[in-house]
Amino acid sequence: MNAEQIRAHIADLIKQKGKNLRSVSIAIGKNEAYLHQFVHKGSPVRLPEEDRRKMADLLDVDEQELTDISLPSSITPSFKHSKTSLIEMISPNAAFGTVGFLSFPPADFSNMTTAAADMVKAVRLTGDSMSPTLKDGDYILVDTAEQRFSTDGLYLINFSNNLVVKRLQQISANELLILSDNANYKSATTPISDVCIAGKVVYVLRGEKIG
């Protein structure tokens, strides 16, 4: 493939992986328009080596697929050992856009959750409604494959176009109790069908400053 075909191929790979040019640009440490300019305007003509390697890791493909230049056979095997589980961080406000990424060694990620990495999103919490369980500044990992109530627990729900964490408890066949762990906040009873669940909380990363 020539350079133009490689750009089209990369765009297809990104789509196949369920990602988009903006999120992948951010994931490899570039501005959000970087890959759009690369794919549609040919700037740069070829991905620099560092960007190419990051994308190969992110897309889980052979680095040779991302360039029309023949690469030494030693490059891909050595890079494959550095695989990470890359978790998209999303905004809790109405935009729900990508604001960054968290990266974990696969072994560490598998100890956190059995959820598929591509279905897990990270959200930084604000406020004290779930204190002391979750605190302002904590990061939560949410399994977005769990968008229906299954068992009592902590869920990320869409409330008035904002993503918030609440404890959901089933109180009847058709009703849920929505709770804040902070006793200063009121609970509410609502039909299960009215609760818009974005995912189930599976892990928390403490955001406490030390020193």
Protein backbone atom coordinates (compact mmCIF):
# COMPACT_ATOMS: atom_id res chain seq x y z
CA MET A 1 0.00 0.00 0.00
CA ASN A 2 1.13 3.54 -0.67
CA ALA A 3 0.93 6.41 1.83
CA GLU A 4 -2.59 7.43 0.73
CA GLN A 5 -3.87 3.84 1.04
CA ILE A 6 -2.26 3.54 4.47
CA ARG A 7 -4.17 6.60 5.67
CA ALA A 8 -7.46 5.10 4.48
CA HIS A 9 -6.52 1.78 6.08
CA ILE A 10 -5.81 3.47 9.41
CA ALA A 11 -9.19 5.23 9.29
CA ASP A 12 -10.87 1.84 8.69
CA LEU A 13 -8.92 0.22 11.54
CA ILE A 14 -9.98 2.93 13.96
CA LYS A 15 -13.64 2.50 12.94
CA GLN A 16 -13.41 -1.31 13.23
CA LYS A 17 -12.08 -0.97 16.78
CA GLY A 18 -15.08 1.14 17.75
CA LYS A 19 -13.02 4.30 18.17
CA ASN A 20 -12.85 7.61 16.34
CA LEU A 21 -10.14 9.91 15.03
CA ARG A 22 -10.59 12.41 17.87
CA SER A 23 -10.31 9.91 20.73
CA VAL A 24 -7.32 8.13 19.20
CA SER A 25 -5.57 11.46 18.63
CA ILE A 26 -5.97 12.28 22.32
CA ALA A 27 -4.89 8.77 23.32
CA ILE A 28 -1.54 9.09 21.56
CA GLY A 29 -0.91 12.48 23.13
CA LYS A 30 -1.86 14.75 20.24
CA ASN A 31 -4.47 17.46 19.79
CA GLU A 32 -7.95 16.25 18.86
CA ALA A 33 -7.63 17.24 15.18
CA TYR A 34 -4.30 15.49 14.60
CA LEU A 35 -5.56 12.29 12.94
CA HIS A 36 -8.31 14.10 11.02
CA GLN A 37 -5.62 16.22 9.38
CA PHE A 38 -3.48 13.13 8.78
CA VAL A 39 -6.26 11.04 7.23
CA HIS A 40 -8.09 13.71 5.23
CA LYS A 41 -5.35 16.23 4.43
CA GLY A 42 -2.23 14.05 4.38
CA SER A 43 -0.49 16.07 7.07
CA PRO A 44 1.86 14.61 8.12
CA VAL A 45 2.43 12.40 5.08
CA ARG A 46 3.43 9.52 7.37
CA LEU A 47 3.01 9.01 11.09
CA PRO A 48 6.18 9.69 13.07
CA GLU A 49 7.67 6.57 14.66
CA GLU A 50 6.52 7.36 18.21
CA ASP A 51 2.93 8.06 17.14
CA ARG A 52 2.89 4.94 14.98
CA ARG A 53 4.01 2.75 17.85
CA LYS A 54 1.43 4.19 20.23
CA MET A 55 -1.32 3.59 17.66
CA ALA A 56 -0.19 0.02 17.02
CA ASP A 57 -0.50 -0.63 20.74
CA LEU A 58 -3.86 1.10 21.02
CA LEU A 59 -5.37 -0.64 17.99
CA ASP A 60 -3.68 -3.99 18.75
CA VAL A 61 -2.23 -4.34 15.27
CA ASP A 62 1.16 -4.98 13.70
CA GLU A 63 3.04 -1.70 13.40
CA GLN A 64 3.74 -2.51 9.75
CA GLU A 65 0.03 -2.00 9.01
CA LEU A 66 0.41 1.69 9.82
CA THR A 67 3.12 2.60 7.34
CA ASP A 68 4.11 2.05 3.74
CA ILE A 69 7.77 1.94 4.77
CA SER A 70 9.21 -1.53 5.32
CA LEU A 71 10.04 -1.94 9.02
CA PRO A 72 12.68 -4.22 10.56
CA SER A 73 11.09 -7.47 11.73
CA SER A 74 12.45 -6.87 15.23
CA ILE A 75 10.25 -3.82 15.85
CA THR A 76 6.85 -5.45 16.27
CA PRO A 77 7.81 -8.31 18.63
CA SER A 78 9.63 -6.00 21.01
CA PHE A 79 6.74 -3.57 21.07
CA LYS A 80 4.09 -6.25 21.57
CA HIS A 81 5.44 -6.89 25.06
CA SER A 82 4.48 -3.37 26.13
CA LYS A 83 0.73 -3.89 25.63
CA THR A 84 -1.50 -1.99 28.03
CA SER A 85 -5.20 -1.81 28.80
CA LEU A 86 -6.21 1.69 27.71
CA ILE A 87 -9.35 3.03 29.41
CA GLU A 88 -11.21 6.03 28.01
CA MET A 89 -12.00 8.77 30.52
CA ILE A 90 -15.27 10.55 29.85
CA SER A 91 -16.74 13.83 31.03
CA PRO A 92 -19.64 13.54 33.51
CA ASN A 93 -21.48 16.52 32.01
CA ALA A 94 -23.94 16.60 29.13
CA ALA A 95 -21.20 16.34 26.47
CA PHE A 96 -20.05 12.90 27.71
CA GLY A 97 -16.94 13.43 25.60
CA THR A 98 -13.48 11.93 25.90
CA VAL A 99 -11.25 13.93 28.25
CA GLY A 100 -8.30 11.56 28.48
CA PHE A 101 -7.18 7.99 29.00
CA LEU A 102 -5.89 5.81 31.83
CA SER A 103 -3.41 3.05 31.02
CA PHE A 104 -2.90 -0.14 33.04
CA PRO A 105 -0.72 -3.23 32.62
CA PRO A 106 -3.12 -6.01 31.55
CA ALA A 107 -2.36 -8.12 34.63
CA ASP A 108 -3.20 -5.23 36.96
CA PHE A 109 -6.39 -4.43 35.05
CA SER A 110 -7.57 -8.04 35.22
CA ASN A 111 -7.16 -7.89 39.00
CA MET A 112 -9.41 -4.83 39.11
CA THR A 113 -12.27 -6.25 37.07
CA THR A 114 -13.24 -9.07 34.73
CA ALA A 115 -15.05 -6.57 32.47
CA ALA A 116 -13.77 -6.15 28.91
CA ALA A 117 -11.35 -3.20 28.73
CA ASP A 118 -13.09 -1.71 25.68
CA MET A 119 -16.37 -1.58 27.63
CA VAL A 120 -14.89 0.11 30.71
CA LYS A 121 -14.92 3.91 31.06
CA ALA A 122 -13.32 6.09 33.72
CA VAL A 123 -15.01 9.07 35.35
CA ARG A 124 -13.58 11.58 37.83
CA LEU A 125 -16.07 12.25 40.63
CA THR A 126 -17.02 15.63 42.01
CA GLY A 127 -19.09 16.37 45.09
CA ASP A 128 -19.72 14.52 48.35
CA SER A 129 -23.05 12.78 47.78
CA MET A 130 -21.46 9.30 47.91
CA SER A 131 -19.11 10.02 50.82
CA PRO A 132 -17.61 8.17 52.65
CA THR A 133 -17.74 5.33 50.07
CA LEU A 134 -16.60 7.57 47.20
CA LYS A 135 -15.00 10.96 47.65
CA ASP A 136 -14.59 14.12 45.62
CA GLY A 137 -11.66 13.60 43.23
CA ASP A 138 -11.86 9.80 43.12
CA TYR A 139 -11.75 8.04 39.75
CA ILE A 140 -14.21 5.23 39.14
CA LEU A 141 -14.11 2.50 36.52
CA VAL A 142 -17.52 1.72 35.06
CA ASP A 143 -18.55 -1.36 33.08
CA THR A 144 -20.76 0.14 30.37
CA ALA A 145 -21.89 -3.32 29.29
CA GLU A 146 -24.08 -3.25 32.43
CA GLN A 147 -26.77 -0.82 31.32
CA ARG A 148 -29.63 -2.62 33.02
CA PHE A 149 -30.19 -3.09 36.72
CA SER A 150 -28.95 -6.53 37.76
CA THR A 151 -28.12 -6.52 41.48
CA ASP A 152 -27.97 -3.94 44.25
CA GLY A 153 -24.84 -1.82 44.00
CA LEU A 154 -23.25 1.37 42.73
CA TYR A 155 -24.26 2.51 39.26
CA LEU A 156 -23.46 5.43 36.99
CA ILE A 157 -26.77 6.92 35.92
CA ASN A 158 -27.78 9.71 33.55
CA PHE A 159 -29.62 12.25 35.67
CA SER A 160 -30.70 15.54 34.06
CA ASN A 161 -27.99 15.18 31.37
CA ASN A 162 -25.25 14.57 33.92
CA LEU A 163 -23.59 11.32 34.90
CA VAL A 164 -23.84 10.69 38.64
CA VAL A 165 -23.07 7.72 40.86
CA LYS A 166 -25.83 6.41 43.09
CA ARG A 167 -26.52 3.26 45.05
CA LEU A 168 -29.47 1.36 43.58
CA GLN A 169 -31.52 -1.08 45.65
CA GLN A 170 -34.49 -3.05 44.38
CA ILE A 171 -37.51 -2.68 46.67
CA SER A 172 -40.15 -4.34 44.49
CA ALA A 173 -40.46 -6.07 41.14
CA ASN A 174 -40.71 -2.73 39.36
CA GLU A 175 -39.17 -0.15 41.69
CA LEU A 176 -35.71 0.97 42.77
CA LEU A 177 -34.53 3.00 45.71
CA ILE A 178 -31.92 5.56 44.63
CA LEU A 179 -29.57 6.30 47.50
CA SER A 180 -26.68 8.62 48.27
CA ASP A 181 -24.29 7.19 50.87
CA ASN A 182 -24.03 10.66 52.42
CA ALA A 183 -26.92 10.86 54.90
CA ASN A 184 -27.35 14.57 54.16
CA TYR A 185 -28.85 13.71 50.77
CA LYS A 186 -32.40 12.40 50.33
CA SER A 187 -33.25 9.05 48.80
CA ALA A 188 -35.86 8.56 46.09
CA THR A 189 -38.08 5.77 44.86
CA THR A 190 -38.55 5.38 41.11
CA PRO A 191 -39.73 2.81 38.56
CA ILE A 192 -36.88 0.69 37.20
CA SER A 193 -37.87 1.68 33.67
CA ASP A 194 -37.26 5.36 34.48
CA VAL A 195 -33.63 4.92 35.56
CA CYS A 196 -31.15 5.53 32.73
CA ILE A 197 -28.15 3.40 33.64
CA ALA A 198 -24.84 4.17 31.91
CA GLY A 199 -22.94 1.37 33.64
CA LYS A 200 -22.05 -0.35 36.89
CA VAL A 201 -19.16 0.82 39.06
CA VAL A 202 -16.54 -1.93 39.30
CA TYR A 203 -13.50 -0.18 40.80
CA VAL A 204 -12.42 3.05 42.46
CA LEU A 205 -9.05 4.78 42.30
CA ARG A 206 -8.57 7.08 45.26
CA GLY A 207 -7.81 10.69 44.40
CA GLU A 208 -6.25 11.69 47.71
CA LYS A 209 -3.28 14.02 47.68
CA ILE A 210 -0.35 12.88 49.79
CA GLY A 211 1.96 15.41 51.42
